[in-house]
N, C-alpha and C. Protein backbone atom coordinates (compact mmCIF):
# COMPACT_ATOMS: atom_id res chain seq x y z
N UNK A 1 152.08 40.54 127.62
CA UNK A 1 153.09 41.30 126.94
C UNK A 1 153.95 42.00 127.97
N UNK A 2 155.23 41.98 127.83
CA UNK A 2 156.11 42.65 128.78
C UNK A 2 156.37 44.07 128.32
N UNK A 3 156.88 44.88 129.23
CA UNK A 3 157.21 46.26 128.88
C UNK A 3 158.16 46.27 127.69
N UNK A 4 157.96 47.19 126.78
CA UNK A 4 158.76 47.39 125.59
C UNK A 4 158.54 46.34 124.52
N UNK A 5 157.62 45.41 124.71
CA UNK A 5 157.27 44.47 123.66
C UNK A 5 156.35 45.19 122.70
N UNK A 6 156.51 44.93 121.41
CA UNK A 6 155.69 45.63 120.43
C UNK A 6 154.33 44.99 120.31
N UNK A 7 153.30 45.84 120.31
CA UNK A 7 151.93 45.38 120.15
C UNK A 7 151.61 45.19 118.68
N UNK A 8 150.35 44.78 118.36
CA UNK A 8 149.96 44.49 116.99
C UNK A 8 150.08 45.69 116.04
N UNK A 9 149.95 46.89 116.54
CA UNK A 9 150.02 48.05 115.67
C UNK A 9 151.46 48.57 115.56
N UNK A 10 152.43 47.84 116.12
CA UNK A 10 153.82 48.23 115.99
C UNK A 10 154.33 49.12 117.11
N UNK A 11 153.48 49.50 118.01
CA UNK A 11 153.94 50.34 119.10
C UNK A 11 154.28 49.48 120.31
N UNK A 12 155.17 49.99 121.13
CA UNK A 12 155.52 49.26 122.33
C UNK A 12 154.44 49.48 123.36
N UNK A 13 154.19 48.47 124.13
CA UNK A 13 153.14 48.55 125.12
C UNK A 13 153.62 47.87 126.39
N UNK A 14 152.73 47.43 127.19
CA UNK A 14 153.06 46.79 128.45
C UNK A 14 152.69 47.70 129.59
N UNK A 15 153.61 47.90 130.51
CA UNK A 15 153.33 48.78 131.64
C UNK A 15 153.02 50.20 131.17
N UNK A 16 153.45 50.53 129.96
CA UNK A 16 153.24 51.87 129.43
C UNK A 16 151.76 52.21 129.33
N UNK A 17 150.91 51.23 129.20
CA UNK A 17 149.47 51.46 129.07
C UNK A 17 148.80 51.64 130.42
N UNK A 18 149.51 51.41 131.46
CA UNK A 18 148.95 51.43 132.81
C UNK A 18 149.56 52.57 133.61
N UNK A 19 148.88 52.99 134.65
CA UNK A 19 149.43 54.07 135.47
C UNK A 19 150.79 53.68 136.04
N UNK A 20 151.73 54.57 135.92
CA UNK A 20 153.04 54.36 136.53
C UNK A 20 152.95 54.77 137.99
N UNK A 21 154.06 54.72 138.67
CA UNK A 21 154.07 55.09 140.08
C UNK A 21 153.53 56.51 140.27
N UNK A 22 153.76 57.37 139.30
CA UNK A 22 153.28 58.74 139.40
C UNK A 22 151.80 58.86 139.06
N UNK A 23 151.19 57.78 138.57
CA UNK A 23 149.78 57.80 138.20
C UNK A 23 149.53 58.26 136.78
N UNK A 24 150.59 58.55 136.03
CA UNK A 24 150.45 59.03 134.66
C UNK A 24 150.64 57.85 133.71
N UNK A 25 149.64 57.63 132.85
CA UNK A 25 149.74 56.56 131.85
C UNK A 25 150.43 57.11 130.62
N UNK A 26 151.23 56.29 130.00
CA UNK A 26 151.92 56.69 128.78
C UNK A 26 151.84 55.55 127.78
N UNK A 27 151.87 55.92 126.51
CA UNK A 27 151.98 54.93 125.44
C UNK A 27 153.40 55.00 124.92
N UNK A 28 153.92 53.88 124.52
CA UNK A 28 155.25 53.84 123.94
C UNK A 28 155.11 53.30 122.52
N UNK A 29 155.10 54.22 121.57
CA UNK A 29 154.96 53.85 120.17
C UNK A 29 156.35 53.63 119.58
N UNK A 30 156.39 52.80 118.56
CA UNK A 30 157.66 52.58 117.87
C UNK A 30 158.08 53.89 117.19
N UNK A 31 159.37 54.05 116.96
CA UNK A 31 159.82 55.26 116.26
C UNK A 31 159.15 55.43 114.90
N UNK A 32 158.92 54.32 114.19
CA UNK A 32 158.29 54.40 112.87
C UNK A 32 156.86 54.92 112.98
N UNK A 33 156.13 54.42 113.99
CA UNK A 33 154.75 54.86 114.20
C UNK A 33 154.71 56.35 114.54
N UNK A 34 155.59 56.77 115.45
CA UNK A 34 155.66 58.19 115.83
C UNK A 34 156.04 59.06 114.64
N UNK A 35 157.02 58.60 113.88
CA UNK A 35 157.44 59.39 112.71
C UNK A 35 156.31 59.54 111.70
N UNK A 36 155.55 58.47 111.49
CA UNK A 36 154.42 58.54 110.57
C UNK A 36 153.35 59.51 111.04
N UNK A 37 153.02 59.45 112.33
CA UNK A 37 152.03 60.38 112.88
C UNK A 37 152.53 61.82 112.83
N UNK A 38 153.80 62.00 113.16
CA UNK A 38 154.38 63.34 113.14
C UNK A 38 154.36 63.92 111.73
N UNK A 39 154.68 63.10 110.74
CA UNK A 39 154.66 63.57 109.35
C UNK A 39 153.23 63.97 108.95
N UNK A 40 152.26 63.16 109.33
CA UNK A 40 150.86 63.50 109.02
C UNK A 40 150.46 64.81 109.71
N UNK A 41 150.82 64.94 110.97
CA UNK A 41 150.47 66.17 111.71
C UNK A 41 151.17 67.39 111.15
N UNK A 42 152.41 67.23 110.67
CA UNK A 42 153.11 68.34 110.03
C UNK A 42 152.39 68.79 108.76
N UNK A 43 151.89 67.81 107.98
CA UNK A 43 151.13 68.16 106.78
C UNK A 43 149.84 68.88 107.14
N UNK A 44 149.18 68.40 108.20
CA UNK A 44 147.94 69.04 108.65
C UNK A 44 148.22 70.47 109.11
N UNK A 45 149.32 70.63 109.81
CA UNK A 45 149.71 71.97 110.27
C UNK A 45 149.89 72.90 109.07
N UNK A 46 150.51 72.39 108.01
CA UNK A 46 150.68 73.18 106.79
C UNK A 46 149.35 73.49 106.13
N UNK A 47 148.44 72.52 106.14
CA UNK A 47 147.12 72.76 105.57
C UNK A 47 146.39 73.87 106.35
N UNK A 48 146.51 73.85 107.65
CA UNK A 48 145.84 74.86 108.47
C UNK A 48 146.42 76.24 108.19
N UNK A 49 147.74 76.32 108.06
CA UNK A 49 148.35 77.61 107.70
C UNK A 49 147.83 78.07 106.34
N UNK A 50 147.66 77.10 105.41
CA UNK A 50 147.12 77.44 104.10
C UNK A 50 145.70 77.97 104.18
N UNK A 51 144.88 77.38 105.02
CA UNK A 51 143.50 77.85 105.20
C UNK A 51 143.51 79.25 105.78
N UNK A 52 144.36 79.48 106.76
CA UNK A 52 144.47 80.82 107.36
C UNK A 52 144.83 81.84 106.28
N UNK A 53 145.78 81.48 105.40
CA UNK A 53 146.16 82.37 104.32
C UNK A 53 145.02 82.61 103.35
N UNK A 54 144.22 81.57 103.10
CA UNK A 54 143.07 81.73 102.20
C UNK A 54 142.08 82.74 102.79
N UNK A 55 141.86 82.65 104.08
CA UNK A 55 140.93 83.59 104.72
C UNK A 55 141.49 85.00 104.67
N UNK A 56 142.78 85.14 104.92
CA UNK A 56 143.41 86.47 104.88
C UNK A 56 143.34 87.07 103.48
N UNK A 57 143.34 86.22 102.44
CA UNK A 57 143.28 86.69 101.05
C UNK A 57 141.85 86.78 100.52
N UNK A 58 140.88 86.60 101.42
CA UNK A 58 139.46 86.65 101.03
C UNK A 58 139.12 85.64 99.94
N UNK A 59 139.67 84.46 100.04
CA UNK A 59 139.37 83.39 99.09
C UNK A 59 137.90 83.02 99.20
N UNK A 60 137.32 82.64 98.09
CA UNK A 60 135.91 82.26 98.01
C UNK A 60 135.60 81.21 99.10
N UNK A 61 134.52 81.45 99.83
CA UNK A 61 134.17 80.64 101.00
C UNK A 61 134.10 79.15 100.70
N UNK A 62 133.53 78.77 99.57
CA UNK A 62 133.40 77.36 99.25
C UNK A 62 134.77 76.69 99.14
N UNK A 63 135.73 77.41 98.58
CA UNK A 63 137.09 76.87 98.47
C UNK A 63 137.71 76.66 99.86
N UNK A 64 137.50 77.61 100.76
CA UNK A 64 138.01 77.49 102.13
C UNK A 64 137.34 76.31 102.83
N UNK A 65 136.03 76.20 102.67
CA UNK A 65 135.29 75.10 103.31
C UNK A 65 135.78 73.74 102.81
N UNK A 66 136.09 73.64 101.53
CA UNK A 66 136.62 72.39 100.99
C UNK A 66 137.98 72.05 101.60
N UNK A 67 138.80 73.07 101.81
CA UNK A 67 140.10 72.83 102.45
C UNK A 67 139.91 72.43 103.92
N UNK A 68 138.95 73.04 104.59
CA UNK A 68 138.65 72.65 105.98
C UNK A 68 138.19 71.20 106.05
N UNK A 69 137.40 70.77 105.08
CA UNK A 69 136.96 69.37 105.04
C UNK A 69 138.16 68.44 104.86
N UNK A 70 139.12 68.85 104.06
CA UNK A 70 140.33 68.04 103.86
C UNK A 70 141.15 67.95 105.15
N UNK A 71 141.24 69.06 105.88
CA UNK A 71 141.95 69.08 107.16
C UNK A 71 141.26 68.14 108.15
N UNK A 72 139.93 68.23 108.21
CA UNK A 72 139.18 67.37 109.13
C UNK A 72 139.37 65.89 108.79
N UNK A 73 139.36 65.57 107.51
CA UNK A 73 139.56 64.18 107.10
C UNK A 73 140.96 63.70 107.49
N UNK A 74 141.95 64.57 107.35
CA UNK A 74 143.32 64.20 107.72
C UNK A 74 143.43 63.98 109.23
N UNK A 75 142.79 64.83 110.02
CA UNK A 75 142.78 64.66 111.47
C UNK A 75 142.07 63.37 111.86
N UNK A 76 140.96 63.08 111.20
CA UNK A 76 140.24 61.84 111.47
C UNK A 76 141.12 60.63 111.18
N UNK A 77 141.92 60.71 110.14
CA UNK A 77 142.82 59.62 109.78
C UNK A 77 143.85 59.37 110.89
N UNK A 78 144.41 60.43 111.44
CA UNK A 78 145.35 60.30 112.54
C UNK A 78 144.65 59.68 113.75
N UNK A 79 143.44 60.15 114.02
CA UNK A 79 142.68 59.60 115.14
C UNK A 79 142.40 58.12 114.97
N UNK A 80 142.07 57.70 113.76
CA UNK A 80 141.80 56.28 113.51
C UNK A 80 143.04 55.42 113.73
N UNK A 81 144.18 55.92 113.29
CA UNK A 81 145.42 55.16 113.49
C UNK A 81 145.73 55.00 114.98
N UNK A 82 145.58 56.09 115.72
CA UNK A 82 145.84 56.02 117.16
C UNK A 82 144.83 55.12 117.86
N UNK A 83 143.58 55.22 117.48
CA UNK A 83 142.54 54.39 118.08
C UNK A 83 142.80 52.91 117.80
N UNK A 84 143.17 52.59 116.58
CA UNK A 84 143.46 51.20 116.24
C UNK A 84 144.59 50.64 117.09
N UNK A 85 145.67 51.39 117.19
CA UNK A 85 146.80 50.94 118.01
C UNK A 85 146.42 50.80 119.47
N UNK A 86 145.64 51.74 119.96
CA UNK A 86 145.20 51.71 121.36
C UNK A 86 144.34 50.48 121.63
N UNK A 87 143.42 50.21 120.73
CA UNK A 87 142.53 49.06 120.92
C UNK A 87 143.29 47.73 120.83
N UNK A 88 144.22 47.64 119.90
CA UNK A 88 144.94 46.38 119.69
C UNK A 88 146.00 46.12 120.75
N UNK A 89 146.37 47.13 121.50
CA UNK A 89 147.41 46.92 122.50
C UNK A 89 146.89 47.22 123.90
N UNK A 90 146.78 48.47 124.23
CA UNK A 90 146.43 48.88 125.59
C UNK A 90 145.09 48.33 126.04
N UNK A 91 144.07 48.45 125.22
CA UNK A 91 142.73 48.01 125.62
C UNK A 91 142.71 46.50 125.84
N UNK A 92 143.24 45.75 124.88
CA UNK A 92 143.26 44.29 125.00
C UNK A 92 144.02 43.88 126.27
N UNK A 93 145.16 44.49 126.46
CA UNK A 93 145.99 44.14 127.62
C UNK A 93 145.28 44.45 128.94
N UNK A 94 144.62 45.58 129.01
CA UNK A 94 143.94 45.94 130.26
C UNK A 94 142.73 45.05 130.52
N UNK A 95 142.02 44.66 129.46
CA UNK A 95 140.89 43.72 129.63
C UNK A 95 141.42 42.38 130.12
N UNK A 96 142.50 41.92 129.51
CA UNK A 96 143.10 40.65 129.94
C UNK A 96 143.56 40.71 131.40
N UNK A 97 143.91 41.90 131.86
CA UNK A 97 144.34 42.08 133.26
C UNK A 97 143.14 42.26 134.19
N UNK A 98 141.93 42.18 133.63
CA UNK A 98 140.72 42.29 134.45
C UNK A 98 140.24 43.72 134.67
N UNK A 99 140.81 44.67 133.97
CA UNK A 99 140.44 46.08 134.12
C UNK A 99 139.32 46.42 133.13
N UNK A 100 138.14 45.91 133.37
CA UNK A 100 137.03 46.07 132.43
C UNK A 100 136.49 47.49 132.36
N UNK A 101 136.84 48.35 133.32
CA UNK A 101 136.41 49.74 133.26
C UNK A 101 137.01 50.47 132.06
N UNK A 102 138.06 49.88 131.47
CA UNK A 102 138.67 50.48 130.30
C UNK A 102 137.68 50.55 129.13
N UNK A 103 136.70 49.68 129.12
CA UNK A 103 135.69 49.70 128.05
C UNK A 103 134.89 50.99 128.12
N UNK A 104 134.50 51.39 129.32
CA UNK A 104 133.76 52.66 129.47
C UNK A 104 134.64 53.83 129.06
N UNK A 105 135.91 53.78 129.42
CA UNK A 105 136.86 54.83 129.02
C UNK A 105 136.93 54.92 127.50
N UNK A 106 137.02 53.76 126.85
CA UNK A 106 137.10 53.71 125.39
C UNK A 106 135.83 54.26 124.75
N UNK A 107 134.67 53.91 125.30
CA UNK A 107 133.40 54.40 124.75
C UNK A 107 133.30 55.92 124.83
N UNK A 108 133.77 56.50 125.92
CA UNK A 108 133.78 57.96 126.05
C UNK A 108 134.67 58.57 124.99
N UNK A 109 135.86 57.98 124.82
CA UNK A 109 136.80 58.50 123.82
C UNK A 109 136.25 58.39 122.40
N UNK A 110 135.65 57.25 122.07
CA UNK A 110 135.08 57.07 120.72
C UNK A 110 133.94 58.08 120.53
N UNK A 111 133.16 58.31 121.57
CA UNK A 111 132.08 59.31 121.49
C UNK A 111 132.64 60.70 121.15
N UNK A 112 133.76 61.05 121.75
CA UNK A 112 134.39 62.35 121.46
C UNK A 112 134.89 62.41 120.03
N UNK A 113 135.46 61.30 119.55
CA UNK A 113 135.99 61.28 118.17
C UNK A 113 134.87 61.37 117.14
N UNK A 114 133.68 60.91 117.49
CA UNK A 114 132.59 60.87 116.52
C UNK A 114 131.75 62.14 116.51
N UNK A 115 132.08 63.12 117.30
CA UNK A 115 131.30 64.38 117.31
C UNK A 115 131.47 65.13 116.02
């Protein structure tokens, strides 16, 4: 895949998945993918503000806990979307380039997501 070519999840990949001259790796997602993630994160941000308000209003604990569970589920959904795109583009490309250490990197990341 060449730079700026779209990967299977719709994001652009290529050199973006690999360290640049500065050593910083970047992902290049399509505008649609970014907009979708941003919209989800904006909703989550609103949910968190709502939970904060519930606590300030002394809302019944079970109701607050249910809202926290909804926030966590929404965050997990964003994580799954990013993980899918990462695996279908950056990970595949790096393995094909012989960079098998990316598997260990991925395992560490998945371990963090599953905590």
